Amino acid sequence: TRGGNTKYADSVKGRFTVSRGNAKNTVYLQ
């Protein structure tokens, strides 16, 4: 979310991390 709250599907929880860049126009998936 815009506030930085994250949610994950059970299949990827603990393995994937979603984040936003500082400019808020880029989203990453580690």
All heavy atoms as atom14 arrays in JSON, in Angstrom:
{
  "sequence": "TRGGNTKYADSVKGRFTVSRGNAKNTVYLQ",
  "atom14_mask": [
    [1, 1, 1, 1, 1, 1, 1, 0, 0, 0, 0, 0, 0, 0],
    [1, 1, 1, 1, 1, 1, 1, 1, 1, 1, 1, 0, 0, 0],
    [1, 1, 1, 1, 0, 0, 0, 0, 0, 0, 0, 0, 0, 0],
    [1, 1, 1, 1, 0, 0, 0, 0, 0, 0, 0, 0, 0, 0],
    [1, 1, 1, 1, 1, 1, 1, 1, 0, 0, 0, 0, 0, 0],
    [1, 1, 1, 1, 1, 1, 1, 0, 0, 0, 0, 0, 0, 0],
    [1, 1, 1, 1, 1, 1, 1, 1, 1, 0, 0, 0, 0, 0],
    [1, 1, 1, 1, 1, 1, 1, 1, 1, 1, 1, 1, 0, 0],
    [1, 1, 1, 1, 1, 0, 0, 0, 0, 0, 0, 0, 0, 0],
    [1, 1, 1, 1, 1, 1, 1, 1, 0, 0, 0, 0, 0, 0],
    [1, 1, 1, 1, 1, 1, 0, 0, 0, 0, 0, 0, 0, 0],
    [1, 1, 1, 1, 1, 1, 1, 0, 0, 0, 0, 0, 0, 0],
    [1, 1, 1, 1, 1, 1, 1, 1, 1, 0, 0, 0, 0, 0],
    [1, 1, 1, 1, 0, 0, 0, 0, 0, 0, 0, 0, 0, 0],
    [1, 1, 1, 1, 1, 1, 1, 1, 1, 1, 1, 0, 0, 0],
    [1, 1, 1, 1, 1, 1, 1, 1, 1, 1, 1, 0, 0, 0],
    [1, 1, 1, 1, 1, 1, 1, 0, 0, 0, 0, 0, 0, 0],
    [1, 1, 1, 1, 1, 1, 1, 0, 0, 0, 0, 0, 0, 0],
    [1, 1, 1, 1, 1, 1, 0, 0, 0, 0, 0, 0, 0, 0],
    [1, 1, 1, 1, 1, 1, 1, 1, 1, 1, 1, 0, 0, 0],
    [1, 1, 1, 1, 0, 0, 0, 0, 0, 0, 0, 0, 0, 0],
    [1, 1, 1, 1, 1, 1, 1, 1, 0, 0, 0, 0, 0, 0],
    [1, 1, 1, 1, 1, 0, 0, 0, 0, 0, 0, 0, 0, 0],
    [1, 1, 1, 1, 1, 1, 1, 1, 1, 0, 0, 0, 0, 0],
    [1, 1, 1, 1, 1, 1, 1, 1, 0, 0, 0, 0, 0, 0],
    [1, 1, 1, 1, 1, 1, 1, 0, 0, 0, 0, 0, 0, 0],
    [1, 1, 1, 1, 1, 1, 1, 0, 0, 0, 0, 0, 0, 0],
    [1, 1, 1, 1, 1, 1, 1, 1, 1, 1, 1, 1, 0, 0],
    [1, 1, 1, 1, 1, 1, 1, 1, 0, 0, 0, 0, 0, 0],
    [1, 1, 1, 1, 1, 1, 1, 1, 1, 0, 0, 0, 0, 0]
  ],
  "atom14_positions": [
    [[0.83, -1.2, 0.0], [0.0, 0.0, 0.0], [0.86, 1.25, 0.0], [2.08, 1.19, 0.16], [-0.93, 0.04, 1.22], [-0.14, 0.21, 2.41], [-1.74, -1.24, 1.34], [0.0, 0.0, 0.0], [0.0, 0.0, 0.0], [0.0, 0.0, 0.0], [0.0, 0.0, 0.0], [0.0, 0.0, 0.0], [0.0, 0.0, 0.0], [0.0, 0.0, 0.0]],
    [[0.2, 2.4, -0.17], [0.92, 3.67, -0.12], [1.59, 3.87, 1.23], [2.64, 4.52, 1.31], [-0.04, 4.83, -0.41], [-0.47, 4.95, -1.86], [-1.5, 6.03, -2.05], [-2.76, 5.69, -1.41], [-3.87, 6.4, -1.51], [-3.89, 7.5, -2.26], [-4.97, 6.01, -0.89], [0.0, 0.0, 0.0], [0.0, 0.0, 0.0], [0.0, 0.0, 0.0]],
    [[1.01, 3.3, 2.27], [1.59, 3.39, 3.6], [2.66, 2.37, 3.89], [3.24, 2.38, 4.98], [0.0, 0.0, 0.0], [0.0, 0.0, 0.0], [0.0, 0.0, 0.0], [0.0, 0.0, 0.0], [0.0, 0.0, 0.0], [0.0, 0.0, 0.0], [0.0, 0.0, 0.0], [0.0, 0.0, 0.0], [0.0, 0.0, 0.0], [0.0, 0.0, 0.0]],
    [[2.92, 1.48, 2.94], [3.98, 0.51, 3.11], [3.55, -0.82, 3.7], [4.4, -1.67, 3.98], [0.0, 0.0, 0.0], [0.0, 0.0, 0.0], [0.0, 0.0, 0.0], [0.0, 0.0, 0.0], [0.0, 0.0, 0.0], [0.0, 0.0, 0.0], [0.0, 0.0, 0.0], [0.0, 0.0, 0.0], [0.0, 0.0, 0.0], [0.0, 0.0, 0.0]],
    [[2.25, -1.02, 3.89], [1.77, -2.29, 4.38], [1.84, -3.34, 3.28], [1.5, -3.07, 2.13], [0.34, -2.18, 4.89], [0.24, -1.28, 6.1], [1.05, -1.37, 7.03], [-0.76, -0.41, 6.11], [0.0, 0.0, 0.0], [0.0, 0.0, 0.0], [0.0, 0.0, 0.0], [0.0, 0.0, 0.0], [0.0, 0.0, 0.0], [0.0, 0.0, 0.0]],
    [[2.28, -4.53, 3.62], [2.47, -5.59, 2.63], [1.65, -6.81, 2.98], [1.37, -7.09, 4.15], [3.94, -5.99, 2.52], [4.43, -6.41, 3.8], [4.78, -4.81, 2.03], [0.0, 0.0, 0.0], [0.0, 0.0, 0.0], [0.0, 0.0, 0.0], [0.0, 0.0, 0.0], [0.0, 0.0, 0.0], [0.0, 0.0, 0.0], [0.0, 0.0, 0.0]],
    [[1.27, -7.55, 1.94], [0.58, -8.82, 2.08], [1.15, -9.78, 1.05], [1.57, -9.37, -0.02], [-0.93, -8.67, 1.89], [-1.63, -7.88, 2.98], [-3.13, -7.85, 2.74], [-3.85, -7.1, 3.85], [-5.31, -7.07, 3.63], [0.0, 0.0, 0.0], [0.0, 0.0, 0.0], [0.0, 0.0, 0.0], [0.0, 0.0, 0.0], [0.0, 0.0, 0.0]],
    [[1.13, -11.06, 1.39], [1.69, -12.07, 0.52], [0.79, -13.28, 0.43], [0.11, -13.64, 1.38], [3.07, -12.52, 1.03], [4.08, -11.4, 1.12], [4.24, -10.69, 2.3], [4.85, -11.06, 0.02], [5.16, -9.65, 2.38], [5.77, -10.03, 0.09], [5.92, -9.33, 1.27], [6.83, -8.3, 1.34], [0.0, 0.0, 0.0], [0.0, 0.0, 0.0]],
    [[0.8, -13.9, -0.74], [0.15, -15.19, -0.88], [0.9, -16.22, -0.05], [2.12, -16.12, 0.13], [0.12, -15.62, -2.35], [0.0, 0.0, 0.0], [0.0, 0.0, 0.0], [0.0, 0.0, 0.0], [0.0, 0.0, 0.0], [0.0, 0.0, 0.0], [0.0, 0.0, 0.0], [0.0, 0.0, 0.0], [0.0, 0.0, 0.0], [0.0, 0.0, 0.0]],
    [[0.17, -17.19, 0.46], [0.8, -18.21, 1.29], [1.94, -18.92, 0.57], [2.93, -19.33, 1.19], [-0.24, -19.24, 1.75], [-1.2, -18.68, 2.78], [-0.88, -17.66, 3.41], [-2.28, -19.27, 2.95], [0.0, 0.0, 0.0], [0.0, 0.0, 0.0], [0.0, 0.0, 0.0], [0.0, 0.0, 0.0], [0.0, 0.0, 0.0], [0.0, 0.0, 0.0]],
    [[1.83, -19.05, -0.74], [2.82, -19.78, -1.5], [4.18, -19.09, -1.56], [5.19, -19.74, -1.84], [2.31, -20.03, -2.93], [2.03, -18.8, -3.58], [0.0, 0.0, 0.0], [0.0, 0.0, 0.0], [0.0, 0.0, 0.0], [0.0, 0.0, 0.0], [0.0, 0.0, 0.0], [0.0, 0.0, 0.0], [0.0, 0.0, 0.0], [0.0, 0.0, 0.0]],
    [[4.22, -17.78, -1.3], [5.47, -17.04, -1.38], [5.88, -16.41, -0.07], [6.98, -15.85, 0.03], [5.43, -15.96, -2.48], [5.0, -16.57, -3.81], [4.49, -14.83, -2.09], [0.0, 0.0, 0.0], [0.0, 0.0, 0.0], [0.0, 0.0, 0.0], [0.0, 0.0, 0.0], [0.0, 0.0, 0.0], [0.0, 0.0, 0.0], [0.0, 0.0, 0.0]],
    [[5.03, -16.47, 0.93], [5.31, -15.83, 2.22], [6.6, -16.39, 2.81], [6.82, -17.59, 2.86], [4.13, -16.04, 3.17], [4.23, -15.25, 4.47], [2.94, -15.36, 5.28], [1.78, -14.73, 4.55], [0.53, -14.75, 5.36], [0.0, 0.0, 0.0], [0.0, 0.0, 0.0], [0.0, 0.0, 0.0], [0.0, 0.0, 0.0], [0.0, 0.0, 0.0]],
    [[7.44, -15.47, 3.26], [8.71, -15.86, 3.83], [9.83, -15.95, 2.82], [11.0, -16.05, 3.2], [0.0, 0.0, 0.0], [0.0, 0.0, 0.0], [0.0, 0.0, 0.0], [0.0, 0.0, 0.0], [0.0, 0.0, 0.0], [0.0, 0.0, 0.0], [0.0, 0.0, 0.0], [0.0, 0.0, 0.0], [0.0, 0.0, 0.0], [0.0, 0.0, 0.0]],
    [[9.49, -15.92, 1.53], [10.49, -16.02, 0.48], [10.58, -14.76, -0.38], [11.65, -14.4, -0.84], [10.21, -17.23, -0.42], [10.2, -18.56, 0.32], [10.11, -19.73, -0.65], [8.85, -19.71, -1.4], [8.77, -19.57, -2.73], [9.89, -19.44, -3.45], [7.59, -19.58, -3.34], [0.0, 0.0, 0.0], [0.0, 0.0, 0.0], [0.0, 0.0, 0.0]],
    [[9.44, -14.11, -0.6], [9.38, -12.92, -1.44], [9.17, -11.68, -0.57], [8.51, -11.74, 0.47], [8.24, -13.0, -2.45], [8.4, -14.04, -3.53], [9.45, -14.95, -3.51], [7.48, -14.1, -4.56], [9.58, -15.9, -4.51], [7.61, -15.05, -5.57], [8.65, -15.95, -5.54], [0.0, 0.0, 0.0], [0.0, 0.0, 0.0], [0.0, 0.0, 0.0]],
    [[9.7, -10.55, -1.02], [9.51, -9.28, -0.35], [9.18, -8.21, -1.38], [9.92, -8.03, -2.35], [10.77, -8.85, 0.43], [11.13, -9.87, 1.37], [10.51, -7.55, 1.17], [0.0, 0.0, 0.0], [0.0, 0.0, 0.0], [0.0, 0.0, 0.0], [0.0, 0.0, 0.0], [0.0, 0.0, 0.0], [0.0, 0.0, 0.0], [0.0, 0.0, 0.0]],
    [[8.07, -7.51, -1.17], [7.67, -6.43, -2.06], [8.02, -5.1, -1.41], [7.89, -4.93, -0.19], [6.17, -6.52, -2.41], [5.3, -6.36, -1.17], [5.8, -5.5, -3.48], [0.0, 0.0, 0.0], [0.0, 0.0, 0.0], [0.0, 0.0, 0.0], [0.0, 0.0, 0.0], [0.0, 0.0, 0.0], [0.0, 0.0, 0.0], [0.0, 0.0, 0.0]],
    [[8.47, -4.15, -2.2], [8.85, -2.84, -1.67], [8.64, -1.77, -2.73], [8.43, -2.07, -3.91], [10.31, -2.84, -1.2], [11.19, -3.12, -2.28], [0.0, 0.0, 0.0], [0.0, 0.0, 0.0], [0.0, 0.0, 0.0], [0.0, 0.0, 0.0], [0.0, 0.0, 0.0], [0.0, 0.0, 0.0], [0.0, 0.0, 0.0], [0.0, 0.0, 0.0]],
    [[8.69, -0.52, -2.3], [8.58, 0.63, -3.19], [9.87, 1.42, -3.19], [10.56, 1.5, -2.19], [7.44, 1.56, -2.76], [6.05, 1.15, -3.17], [5.08, 2.25, -2.77], [3.71, 1.96, -3.15], [3.15, 2.3, -4.3], [3.86, 2.95, -5.22], [1.89, 2.01, -4.54], [0.0, 0.0, 0.0], [0.0, 0.0, 0.0], [0.0, 0.0, 0.0]],
    [[10.17, 2.03, -4.34], [11.27, 2.97, -4.39], [10.89, 4.26, -3.71], [9.72, 4.53, -3.44], [0.0, 0.0, 0.0], [0.0, 0.0, 0.0], [0.0, 0.0, 0.0], [0.0, 0.0, 0.0], [0.0, 0.0, 0.0], [0.0, 0.0, 0.0], [0.0, 0.0, 0.0], [0.0, 0.0, 0.0], [0.0, 0.0, 0.0], [0.0, 0.0, 0.0]],
    [[11.89, 5.09, -3.43], [11.64, 6.35, -2.73], [10.72, 7.28, -3.51], [9.95, 8.03, -2.92], [12.96, 7.06, -2.43], [13.78, 6.34, -1.39], [13.26, 5.61, -0.55], [15.09, 6.56, -1.43], [0.0, 0.0, 0.0], [0.0, 0.0, 0.0], [0.0, 0.0, 0.0], [0.0, 0.0, 0.0], [0.0, 0.0, 0.0], [0.0, 0.0, 0.0]],
    [[10.79, 7.22, -4.83], [9.96, 8.08, -5.66], [8.53, 7.59, -5.78], [7.68, 8.27, -6.34], [10.58, 8.22, -7.05], [0.0, 0.0, 0.0], [0.0, 0.0, 0.0], [0.0, 0.0, 0.0], [0.0, 0.0, 0.0], [0.0, 0.0, 0.0], [0.0, 0.0, 0.0], [0.0, 0.0, 0.0], [0.0, 0.0, 0.0], [0.0, 0.0, 0.0]],
    [[8.25, 6.4, -5.28], [6.91, 5.81, -5.26], [6.36, 5.49, -6.64], [5.16, 5.23, -6.78], [5.93, 6.7, -4.5], [6.35, 7.05, -3.08], [6.41, 5.82, -2.2], [6.72, 6.19, -0.76], [6.83, 4.98, 0.11], [0.0, 0.0, 0.0], [0.0, 0.0, 0.0], [0.0, 0.0, 0.0], [0.0, 0.0, 0.0], [0.0, 0.0, 0.0]],
    [[7.19, 5.52, -7.64], [6.76, 5.15, -8.98], [7.4, 3.84, -9.45], [7.27, 3.48, -10.61], [7.04, 6.27, -9.97], [8.53, 6.51, -10.17], [9.35, 6.15, -9.33], [8.87, 7.15, -11.29], [0.0, 0.0, 0.0], [0.0, 0.0, 0.0], [0.0, 0.0, 0.0], [0.0, 0.0, 0.0], [0.0, 0.0, 0.0], [0.0, 0.0, 0.0]],
    [[8.07, 3.18, -8.53], [8.71, 1.91, -8.83], [8.4, 0.91, -7.72], [8.46, 1.26, -6.54], [10.23, 2.05, -8.98], [10.53, 3.06, -9.95], [10.86, 0.74, -9.43], [0.0, 0.0, 0.0], [0.0, 0.0, 0.0], [0.0, 0.0, 0.0], [0.0, 0.0, 0.0], [0.0, 0.0, 0.0], [0.0, 0.0, 0.0], [0.0, 0.0, 0.0]],
    [[8.05, -0.29, -8.11], [7.76, -1.35, -7.15], [8.69, -2.52, -7.44], [8.91, -2.86, -8.6], [6.29, -1.8, -7.23], [5.98, -2.82, -6.14], [5.35, -0.61, -7.11], [0.0, 0.0, 0.0], [0.0, 0.0, 0.0], [0.0, 0.0, 0.0], [0.0, 0.0, 0.0], [0.0, 0.0, 0.0], [0.0, 0.0, 0.0], [0.0, 0.0, 0.0]],
    [[9.22, -3.11, -6.39], [10.16, -4.21, -6.53], [9.6, -5.49, -5.92], [8.77, -5.46, -5.01], [11.49, -3.88, -5.84], [12.14, -2.61, -6.35], [12.01, -1.41, -5.65], [12.89, -2.62, -7.52], [12.6, -0.26, -6.11], [13.49, -1.46, -7.98], [13.35, -0.29, -7.28], [13.94, 0.86, -7.73], [0.0, 0.0, 0.0], [0.0, 0.0, 0.0]],
    [[10.08, -6.59, -6.42], [9.78, -7.89, -5.83], [11.09, -8.65, -5.69], [11.68, -9.06, -6.69], [8.79, -8.68, -6.67], [8.34, -10.02, -6.07], [7.48, -9.77, -4.83], [7.58, -10.86, -7.08], [0.0, 0.0, 0.0], [0.0, 0.0, 0.0], [0.0, 0.0, 0.0], [0.0, 0.0, 0.0], [0.0, 0.0, 0.0], [0.0, 0.0, 0.0]],
    [[11.55, -8.8, -4.46], [12.74, -9.58, -4.18], [12.33, -11.02, -3.99], [11.54, -11.33, -3.09], [13.46, -9.06, -2.94], [14.7, -9.84, -2.56], [15.81, -9.7, -3.58], [16.1, -8.61, -4.03], [16.42, -10.83, -3.94], [0.0, 0.0, 0.0], [0.0, 0.0, 0.0], [0.0, 0.0, 0.0], [0.0, 0.0, 0.0], [0.0, 0.0, 0.0]]
  ]
}
